Amino acid sequence: MSLRKYEKNTKQYEFYKRMYKHQDLNFVLKMKQKYSKLDNIKMTMNKALSLMDSFIDPSDPDVDEPNSIHAYQTAERIRKKYPDDKEYQIIGLIHDLGKVLFTFDEPDYAVVGDTFVVGCRIPGTVVYYEETKNHPDFNSNVFGIYNKYCGIDNLHLSYGHDEYLYEVLKQNSDKHFISKKYWDIIKYHSFYPWHNKYSYSYFMNNDTDIEKLRLVKEFNEFDLYSKEDKELEITDKIKKYYNELLNEYFKGELQW
């Protein structure tokens, strides 16, 4: 199976045209401010997972089924390799749940899609690079508003479900038992130009960034290739296992 094959005149092509039209530094800063204090709704992580039953990612050429299936498939791939690492299994299960942004009437380009850095030159490794020619960063300096080796955490990425779920975990840190290193996997798992093509490496500044890259790259093997597991049946037994796991690691309703 050929994964991440992006072709013109597809719904993915139209999606990324919209994304590059709207996702600039001003937009990202506005969205970060909008969700800097979460006050949309209170719900459990289990409820957020159930909302994925009705969401199909328009940016992904490899998924044509509800995102809940992809969540379970990713978690199951992790469980197969790390049967005792329940925390890592949970990350596989919840990594895309920031897509609940679609229930807040956010446009699709502010919910999904590969993330890229705004405020500096866009590298040729991004999906449909030719469609970035009208983006304000197209002819920017390679470092733009940043300094060399400034650190990955100091970059502004195009806004979407990664950043949002990171904020959910951060702002509800008293209501779950998920380690910080796993928050970072969630924050950067769609940052394909970095973890898949090694773009933006000149912003990495220490061993911490190197370790983040290692963790995200490993996670991507479970995330991306779960899409090949078309025959994996998500049984009631599997759902029960993860429902109980969520109840173990999350304490009641979170603020979203």
C-alpha atoms as a PDB file:
ATOM      1  CA  MET A   1       0.000   0.000   0.000  1.00  0.00           C
ATOM      2  CA  SER A   2       1.380   3.401  -1.007  1.00  0.00           C
ATOM      3  CA  LEU A   3       0.825   5.901   1.803  1.00  0.00           C
ATOM      4  CA  ARG A   4       0.828   9.718   1.741  1.00  0.00           C
ATOM      5  CA  LYS A   5       0.467   9.892  -2.031  1.00  0.00           C
ATOM      6  CA  TYR A   6      -0.807  13.392  -2.778  1.00  0.00           C
ATOM      7  CA  GLU A   7      -2.214  14.073  -6.229  1.00  0.00           C
ATOM      8  CA  LYS A   8      -3.705  17.116  -7.895  1.00  0.00           C
ATOM      9  CA  ASN A   9      -7.426  17.594  -8.410  1.00  0.00           C
ATOM     10  CA  THR A  10      -8.333  15.647  -5.285  1.00  0.00           C
ATOM     11  CA  LYS A  11     -10.099  16.722  -2.100  1.00  0.00           C
ATOM     12  CA  GLN A  12      -6.685  16.760  -0.407  1.00  0.00           C
ATOM     13  CA  TYR A  13      -5.348  19.158  -3.039  1.00  0.00           C
ATOM     14  CA  GLU A  14      -8.281  21.525  -2.519  1.00  0.00           C
ATOM     15  CA  PHE A  15      -7.877  21.224   1.238  1.00  0.00           C
ATOM     16  CA  TYR A  16      -4.218  22.266   1.212  1.00  0.00           C
ATOM     17  CA  LYS A  17      -4.945  25.191  -1.094  1.00  0.00           C
ATOM     18  CA  ARG A  18      -7.364  26.457   1.563  1.00  0.00           C
ATOM     19  CA  MET A  19      -4.857  25.779   4.300  1.00  0.00           C
ATOM     20  CA  TYR A  20      -2.050  27.745   2.658  1.00  0.00           C
ATOM     21  CA  LYS A  21      -4.428  30.595   1.922  1.00  0.00           C
ATOM     22  CA  HIS A  22      -5.425  31.062   5.564  1.00  0.00           C
ATOM     23  CA  GLN A  23      -2.682  29.649   7.817  1.00  0.00           C
ATOM     24  CA  ASP A  24      -0.236  32.517   8.309  1.00  0.00           C
ATOM     25  CA  LEU A  25       1.389  33.970  11.437  1.00  0.00           C
ATOM     26  CA  ASN A  26      -1.502  36.318  12.227  1.00  0.00           C
ATOM     27  CA  PHE A  27      -4.029  33.492  11.960  1.00  0.00           C
ATOM     28  CA  VAL A  28      -1.953  31.177  14.162  1.00  0.00           C
ATOM     29  CA  LEU A  29      -1.470  33.810  16.862  1.00  0.00           C
ATOM     30  CA  LYS A  30      -5.190  34.526  16.831  1.00  0.00           C
ATOM     31  CA  MET A  31      -6.055  30.841  17.224  1.00  0.00           C
ATOM     32  CA  LYS A  32      -3.527  30.345  20.015  1.00  0.00           C
ATOM     33  CA  GLN A  33      -5.049  33.276  21.869  1.00  0.00           C
ATOM     34  CA  LYS A  34      -8.558  31.973  21.275  1.00  0.00           C
ATOM     35  CA  TYR A  35      -7.759  28.644  22.922  1.00  0.00           C
ATOM     36  CA  SER A  36      -5.306  29.932  25.538  1.00  0.00           C
ATOM     37  CA  LYS A  37      -8.070  29.499  28.108  1.00  0.00           C
ATOM     38  CA  LEU A  38     -10.300  26.537  27.401  1.00  0.00           C
ATOM     39  CA  ASP A  39     -13.966  27.205  28.133  1.00  0.00           C
ATOM     40  CA  ASN A  40     -15.906  25.551  25.306  1.00  0.00           C
ATOM     41  CA  ILE A  41     -17.298  22.441  26.954  1.00  0.00           C
ATOM     42  CA  LYS A  42     -16.614  19.923  29.715  1.00  0.00           C
ATOM     43  CA  MET A  43     -16.425  16.276  28.663  1.00  0.00           C
ATOM     44  CA  THR A  44     -14.509  13.100  29.321  1.00  0.00           C
ATOM     45  CA  MET A  45     -11.804  11.786  27.034  1.00  0.00           C
ATOM     46  CA  ASN A  46     -14.124   8.848  26.345  1.00  0.00           C
ATOM     47  CA  LYS A  47     -16.762  11.264  25.045  1.00  0.00           C
ATOM     48  CA  ALA A  48     -14.212  13.005  22.822  1.00  0.00           C
ATOM     49  CA  LEU A  49     -13.271   9.631  21.360  1.00  0.00           C
ATOM     50  CA  SER A  50     -16.919   8.902  20.558  1.00  0.00           C
ATOM     51  CA  LEU A  51     -17.154  12.188  18.611  1.00  0.00           C
ATOM     52  CA  MET A  52     -14.541  10.798  16.218  1.00  0.00           C
ATOM     53  CA  ASP A  53     -17.141   8.266  15.040  1.00  0.00           C
ATOM     54  CA  SER A  54     -18.513  10.951  12.726  1.00  0.00           C
ATOM     55  CA  PHE A  55     -15.303  12.669  11.568  1.00  0.00           C
ATOM     56  CA  ILE A  56     -13.383  11.749   8.409  1.00  0.00           C
ATOM     57  CA  ASP A  57     -10.134  13.655   7.836  1.00  0.00           C
ATOM     58  CA  PRO A  58     -10.337  15.578   4.503  1.00  0.00           C
ATOM     59  CA  SER A  59      -6.567  16.111   4.420  1.00  0.00           C
ATOM     60  CA  ASP A  60      -5.561  12.456   4.535  1.00  0.00           C
ATOM     61  CA  PRO A  61      -5.384  10.449   1.278  1.00  0.00           C
ATOM     62  CA  ASP A  62      -5.075   7.179   3.228  1.00  0.00           C
ATOM     63  CA  VAL A  63      -8.159   7.341   5.463  1.00  0.00           C
ATOM     64  CA  ASP A  64     -11.750   7.141   4.247  1.00  0.00           C
ATOM     65  CA  GLU A  65     -13.341   5.962   7.472  1.00  0.00           C
ATOM     66  CA  PRO A  66     -14.228   7.607  10.813  1.00  0.00           C
ATOM     67  CA  ASN A  67     -11.251   8.733  12.873  1.00  0.00           C
ATOM     68  CA  SER A  68     -12.307   6.530  15.790  1.00  0.00           C
ATOM     69  CA  ILE A  69     -11.211   3.472  13.774  1.00  0.00           C
ATOM     70  CA  HIS A  70      -7.781   5.004  13.157  1.00  0.00           C
ATOM     71  CA  ALA A  71      -7.497   5.766  16.898  1.00  0.00           C
ATOM     72  CA  TYR A  72      -8.052   2.164  17.921  1.00  0.00           C
ATOM     73  CA  GLN A  73      -5.801   0.849  15.137  1.00  0.00           C
ATOM     74  CA  THR A  74      -2.912   3.078  16.229  1.00  0.00           C
ATOM     75  CA  ALA A  75      -3.334   2.075  19.870  1.00  0.00           C
ATOM     76  CA  GLU A  76      -3.466  -1.600  18.957  1.00  0.00           C
ATOM     77  CA  ARG A  77      -0.232  -1.368  16.940  1.00  0.00           C
ATOM     78  CA  ILE A  78       1.460   0.147  19.988  1.00  0.00           C
ATOM     79  CA  ARG A  79      -0.032  -2.495  22.310  1.00  0.00           C
ATOM     80  CA  LYS A  80       1.307  -5.248  20.058  1.00  0.00           C
ATOM     81  CA  LYS A  81       4.883  -3.963  20.446  1.00  0.00           C
ATOM     82  CA  TYR A  82       4.586  -2.546  23.968  1.00  0.00           C
ATOM     83  CA  PRO A  83       1.953  -4.676  25.728  1.00  0.00           C
ATOM     84  CA  ASP A  84       2.860  -3.323  29.164  1.00  0.00           C
ATOM     85  CA  ASP A  85       3.140   0.369  28.281  1.00  0.00           C
ATOM     86  CA  LYS A  86      -0.432   1.484  28.885  1.00  0.00           C
ATOM     87  CA  GLU A  87       0.464   5.162  28.800  1.00  0.00           C
ATOM     88  CA  TYR A  88       1.922   4.869  25.303  1.00  0.00           C
ATOM     89  CA  GLN A  89      -1.152   2.904  24.182  1.00  0.00           C
ATOM     90  CA  ILE A  90      -3.350   5.757  25.400  1.00  0.00           C
ATOM     91  CA  ILE A  91      -1.336   8.252  23.342  1.00  0.00           C
ATOM     92  CA  GLY A  92      -2.016   6.121  20.287  1.00  0.00           C
ATOM     93  CA  LEU A  93      -5.701   6.178  21.137  1.00  0.00           C
ATOM     94  CA  ILE A  94      -6.079   9.906  21.870  1.00  0.00           C
ATOM     95  CA  HIS A  95      -3.479  11.504  19.593  1.00  0.00           C
ATOM     96  CA  ASP A  96      -6.065  12.822  17.129  1.00  0.00           C
ATOM     97  CA  LEU A  97      -8.823  13.770  19.575  1.00  0.00           C
ATOM     98  CA  GLY A  98      -7.982  17.446  19.184  1.00  0.00           C
ATOM     99  CA  LYS A  99     -10.040  17.120  16.019  1.00  0.00           C
ATOM    100  CA  VAL A 100     -13.070  17.801  18.231  1.00  0.00           C
ATOM    101  CA  LEU A 101     -12.330  21.345  17.036  1.00  0.00           C
ATOM    102  CA  PHE A 102     -14.695  20.497  14.175  1.00  0.00           C
ATOM    103  CA  THR A 103     -17.562  20.493  16.726  1.00  0.00           C
ATOM    104  CA  PHE A 104     -16.730  24.140  17.536  1.00  0.00           C
ATOM    105  CA  ASP A 105     -17.377  25.096  13.891  1.00  0.00           C
ATOM    106  CA  GLU A 106     -13.721  25.653  13.116  1.00  0.00           C
ATOM    107  CA  PRO A 107     -12.868  25.399   9.389  1.00  0.00           C
ATOM    108  CA  ASP A 108     -11.209  22.155   8.308  1.00  0.00           C
ATOM    109  CA  TYR A 109      -7.884  23.882   7.590  1.00  0.00           C
ATOM    110  CA  ALA A 110      -7.716  24.874  11.308  1.00  0.00           C
ATOM    111  CA  VAL A 111      -8.321  21.293  12.431  1.00  0.00           C
ATOM    112  CA  VAL A 112      -6.232  18.895  10.312  1.00  0.00           C
ATOM    113  CA  GLY A 113      -3.389  18.746   7.804  1.00  0.00           C
ATOM    114  CA  ASP A 114       0.400  18.510   8.028  1.00  0.00           C
ATOM    115  CA  THR A 115       1.732  21.341  10.169  1.00  0.00           C
ATOM    116  CA  PHE A 116       4.486  23.730   9.077  1.00  0.00           C
ATOM    117  CA  VAL A 117       6.227  26.727  10.652  1.00  0.00           C
ATOM    118  CA  VAL A 118       4.743  30.167  10.029  1.00  0.00           C
ATOM    119  CA  GLY A 119       6.876  33.288  10.220  1.00  0.00           C
ATOM    120  CA  CYS A 120       9.780  31.917   8.163  1.00  0.00           C
ATOM    121  CA  ARG A 121      10.468  30.491   4.715  1.00  0.00           C
ATOM    122  CA  ILE A 122       8.356  27.474   3.798  1.00  0.00           C
ATOM    123  CA  PRO A 123      10.551  24.511   2.785  1.00  0.00           C
ATOM    124  CA  GLY A 124       9.974  22.590  -0.414  1.00  0.00           C
ATOM    125  CA  THR A 125       9.202  19.482   1.621  1.00  0.00           C
ATOM    126  CA  VAL A 126       5.647  20.554   2.499  1.00  0.00           C
ATOM    127  CA  VAL A 127       2.702  18.875   0.788  1.00  0.00           C
ATOM    128  CA  TYR A 128       1.724  20.654  -2.461  1.00  0.00           C
ATOM    129  CA  TYR A 129       4.604  23.131  -2.090  1.00  0.00           C
ATOM    130  CA  GLU A 130       3.683  24.802  -5.371  1.00  0.00           C
ATOM    131  CA  GLU A 131       0.487  26.058  -3.758  1.00  0.00           C
ATOM    132  CA  THR A 132       2.428  28.073  -1.164  1.00  0.00           C
ATOM    133  CA  LYS A 133       3.592  30.638  -3.727  1.00  0.00           C
ATOM    134  CA  ASN A 134       0.985  33.168  -2.555  1.00  0.00           C
ATOM    135  CA  HIS A 135       1.670  32.583   1.126  1.00  0.00           C
ATOM    136  CA  PRO A 136       3.272  35.590   2.886  1.00  0.00           C
ATOM    137  CA  ASP A 137       6.155  33.379   4.010  1.00  0.00           C
ATOM    138  CA  PHE A 138       6.972  32.037   0.543  1.00  0.00           C
ATOM    139  CA  ASN A 139       9.909  34.401   0.014  1.00  0.00           C
ATOM    140  CA  SER A 140      10.764  34.937   3.672  1.00  0.00           C
ATOM    141  CA  ASN A 141      14.239  34.565   5.105  1.00  0.00           C
ATOM    142  CA  VAL A 142      14.988  30.957   6.040  1.00  0.00           C
ATOM    143  CA  PHE A 143      14.963  31.930   9.737  1.00  0.00           C
ATOM    144  CA  GLY A 144      12.256  34.604   9.462  1.00  0.00           C
ATOM    145  CA  ILE A 145      11.219  35.903  12.883  1.00  0.00           C
ATOM    146  CA  TYR A 146      13.228  33.192  14.675  1.00  0.00           C
ATOM    147  CA  ASN A 147      16.875  32.676  15.548  1.00  0.00           C
ATOM    148  CA  LYS A 148      19.019  29.740  14.504  1.00  0.00           C
ATOM    149  CA  TYR A 149      18.923  27.000  17.165  1.00  0.00           C
ATOM    150  CA  CYS A 150      16.072  28.764  18.974  1.00  0.00           C
ATOM    151  CA  GLY A 151      14.426  25.457  19.875  1.00  0.00           C
ATOM    152  CA  ILE A 152      11.446  23.624  18.369  1.00  0.00           C
ATOM    153  CA  ASP A 153       9.150  24.698  21.212  1.00  0.00           C
ATOM    154  CA  ASN A 154       9.704  28.360  20.288  1.00  0.00           C
ATOM    155  CA  LEU A 155       8.291  27.965  16.776  1.00  0.00           C
ATOM    156  CA  HIS A 156       4.745  28.860  15.770  1.00  0.00           C
ATOM    157  CA  LEU A 157       3.270  25.967  13.785  1.00  0.00           C
ATOM    158  CA  SER A 158       0.165  26.163  11.640  1.00  0.00           C
ATOM    159  CA  TYR A 159      -2.750  25.687  14.022  1.00  0.00           C
ATOM    160  CA  GLY A 160      -4.678  22.466  14.308  1.00  0.00           C
ATOM    161  CA  HIS A 161      -5.652  19.496  16.432  1.00  0.00           C
ATOM    162  CA  ASP A 162      -2.083  18.817  17.600  1.00  0.00           C
ATOM    163  CA  GLU A 163      -1.637  22.183  19.310  1.00  0.00           C
ATOM    164  CA  TYR A 164      -5.178  22.134  20.626  1.00  0.00           C
ATOM    165  CA  LEU A 165      -4.955  18.709  22.307  1.00  0.00           C
ATOM    166  CA  TYR A 166      -1.576  19.707  23.752  1.00  0.00           C
ATOM    167  CA  GLU A 167      -3.364  22.640  25.390  1.00  0.00           C
ATOM    168  CA  VAL A 168      -6.122  20.345  26.658  1.00  0.00           C
ATOM    169  CA  LEU A 169      -3.525  18.144  28.378  1.00  0.00           C
ATOM    170  CA  LYS A 170      -1.594  21.151  29.671  1.00  0.00           C
ATOM    171  CA  GLN A 171      -4.598  23.035  31.039  1.00  0.00           C
ATOM    172  CA  ASN A 172      -6.078  19.876  32.590  1.00  0.00           C
ATOM    173  CA  SER A 173      -2.797  18.560  34.004  1.00  0.00           C
ATOM    174  CA  ASP A 174      -4.423  17.964  37.409  1.00  0.00           C
ATOM    175  CA  LYS A 175      -6.957  15.601  35.841  1.00  0.00           C
ATOM    176  CA  HIS A 176      -4.728  13.054  34.114  1.00  0.00           C
ATOM    177  CA  PHE A 177      -1.566  10.996  34.545  1.00  0.00           C
ATOM    178  CA  ILE A 178       0.012  11.457  31.093  1.00  0.00           C
ATOM    179  CA  SER A 179       3.751  12.249  31.137  1.00  0.00           C
ATOM    180  CA  LYS A 180       5.048  15.453  29.529  1.00  0.00           C
ATOM    181  CA  LYS A 181       7.105  13.591  26.914  1.00  0.00           C
ATOM    182  CA  TYR A 182       3.858  12.195  25.524  1.00  0.00           C
ATOM    183  CA  TRP A 183       2.310  15.660  25.314  1.00  0.00           C
ATOM    184  CA  ASP A 184       5.137  16.528  22.918  1.00  0.00           C
ATOM    185  CA  ILE A 185       4.385  13.527  20.711  1.00  0.00           C
ATOM    186  CA  ILE A 186       0.842  14.826  20.363  1.00  0.00           C
ATOM    187  CA  LYS A 187       1.981  18.395  19.697  1.00  0.00           C
ATOM    188  CA  TYR A 188       4.346  17.436  16.880  1.00  0.00           C
ATOM    189  CA  HIS A 189       2.906  14.265  15.341  1.00  0.00           C
ATOM    190  CA  SER A 190       1.583  16.119  12.247  1.00  0.00           C
ATOM    191  CA  PHE A 191       4.826  18.079  11.796  1.00  0.00           C
ATOM    192  CA  TYR A 192       5.873  15.921   8.834  1.00  0.00           C
ATOM    193  CA  PRO A 193       8.339  18.369   7.226  1.00  0.00           C
ATOM    194  CA  TRP A 194      10.360  18.106  10.456  1.00  0.00           C
ATOM    195  CA  HIS A 195      10.085  14.508  11.595  1.00  0.00           C
ATOM    196  CA  ASN A 196       9.816  12.914   8.151  1.00  0.00           C
ATOM    197  CA  LYS A 197      11.891  15.218   5.916  1.00  0.00           C
ATOM    198  CA  TYR A 198      14.252  16.814   8.491  1.00  0.00           C
ATOM    199  CA  SER A 199      13.311  20.344   7.487  1.00  0.00           C
ATOM    200  CA  TYR A 200      13.691  23.006  10.191  1.00  0.00           C
ATOM    201  CA  SER A 201      16.532  21.049  11.823  1.00  0.00           C
ATOM    202  CA  TYR A 202      18.471  24.342  12.057  1.00  0.00           C
ATOM    203  CA  PHE A 203      16.020  25.410  14.771  1.00  0.00           C
ATOM    204  CA  MET A 204      16.800  22.417  17.007  1.00  0.00           C
ATOM    205  CA  ASN A 205      18.986  23.481  19.900  1.00  0.00           C
ATOM    206  CA  ASN A 206      19.769  20.656  22.322  1.00  0.00           C
ATOM    207  CA  ASP A 207      19.430  17.009  23.253  1.00  0.00           C
ATOM    208  CA  THR A 208      15.829  17.642  24.308  1.00  0.00           C
ATOM    209  CA  ASP A 209      14.865  18.466  20.710  1.00  0.00           C
ATOM    210  CA  ILE A 210      16.766  15.421  19.474  1.00  0.00           C
ATOM    211  CA  GLU A 211      14.855  13.206  21.886  1.00  0.00           C
ATOM    212  CA  LYS A 212      11.532  14.783  20.838  1.00  0.00           C
ATOM    213  CA  LEU A 213      12.358  14.016  17.230  1.00  0.00           C
ATOM    214  CA  ARG A 214      13.212  10.417  18.089  1.00  0.00           C
ATOM    215  CA  LEU A 215       9.944   9.905  19.992  1.00  0.00           C
ATOM    216  CA  VAL A 216       7.799  11.498  17.290  1.00  0.00           C
ATOM    217  CA  LYS A 217       9.496   9.473  14.548  1.00  0.00           C
ATOM    218  CA  GLU A 218       8.886   6.249  16.429  1.00  0.00           C
ATOM    219  CA  PHE A 219       5.266   7.169  17.062  1.00  0.00           C
ATOM    220  CA  ASN A 220       4.774   7.938  13.383  1.00  0.00           C
ATOM    221  CA  GLU A 221       5.500   4.298  12.579  1.00  0.00           C
ATOM    222  CA  PHE A 222       2.429   3.331  14.602  1.00  0.00           C
ATOM    223  CA  ASP A 223       0.286   6.264  13.453  1.00  0.00           C
ATOM    224  CA  LEU A 224       0.982   6.157   9.712  1.00  0.00           C
ATOM    225  CA  TYR A 225       1.149   2.416   9.190  1.00  0.00           C
ATOM    226  CA  SER A 226      -1.978   1.717  11.233  1.00  0.00           C
ATOM    227  CA  LYS A 227      -3.720   2.799   8.035  1.00  0.00           C
ATOM    228  CA  GLU A 228      -2.599  -0.473   6.465  1.00  0.00           C
ATOM    229  CA  ASP A 229      -4.477  -2.484   9.101  1.00  0.00           C
ATOM    230  CA  LYS A 230      -7.724  -2.596   7.183  1.00  0.00           C
ATOM    231  CA  GLU A 231      -8.480  -6.106   8.436  1.00  0.00           C
ATOM    232  CA  LEU A 232      -8.125  -5.271  12.128  1.00  0.00           C
ATOM    233  CA  GLU A 233     -11.582  -5.647  13.602  1.00  0.00           C
ATOM    234  CA  ILE A 234     -12.335  -3.260  16.446  1.00  0.00           C
ATOM    235  CA  THR A 235     -14.271  -5.578  18.741  1.00  0.00           C
ATOM    236  CA  ASP A 236     -16.293  -4.736  21.835  1.00  0.00           C
ATOM    237  CA  LYS A 237     -13.516  -6.370  23.864  1.00  0.00           C
ATOM    238  CA  ILE A 238     -10.947  -3.958  22.414  1.00  0.00           C
ATOM    239  CA  LYS A 239     -13.217  -0.971  23.058  1.00  0.00           C
ATOM    240  CA  LYS A 240     -13.808  -2.112  26.636  1.00  0.00           C
ATOM    241  CA  TYR A 241     -10.053  -2.387  27.233  1.00  0.00           C
ATOM    242  CA  TYR A 242      -9.447   1.187  26.118  1.00  0.00           C
ATOM    243  CA  ASN A 243     -12.511   2.581  27.842  1.00  0.00           C
ATOM    244  CA  GLU A 244     -11.179   1.203  31.124  1.00  0.00           C
ATOM    245  CA  LEU A 245      -7.703   2.524  30.321  1.00  0.00           C
ATOM    246  CA  LEU A 246      -9.050   6.035  29.782  1.00  0.00           C
ATOM    247  CA  ASN A 247     -10.890   5.868  33.093  1.00  0.00           C
ATOM    248  CA  GLU A 248      -7.653   4.819  34.766  1.00  0.00           C
ATOM    249  CA  TYR A 249      -5.552   7.675  33.374  1.00  0.00           C
ATOM    250  CA  PHE A 250      -8.127  10.497  33.252  1.00  0.00           C
ATOM    251  CA  LYS A 251     -10.144  11.791  36.187  1.00  0.00           C
ATOM    252  CA  GLY A 252     -13.666  12.627  35.025  1.00  0.00           C
ATOM    253  CA  GLU A 253     -14.501  15.543  32.753  1.00  0.00           C
ATOM    254  CA  LEU A 254     -11.833  17.778  31.243  1.00  0.00           C
ATOM    255  CA  GLN A 255     -12.218  21.384  30.184  1.00  0.00           C
ATOM    256  CA  TRP A 256     -12.094  21.656  26.391  1.00  0.00           C
END
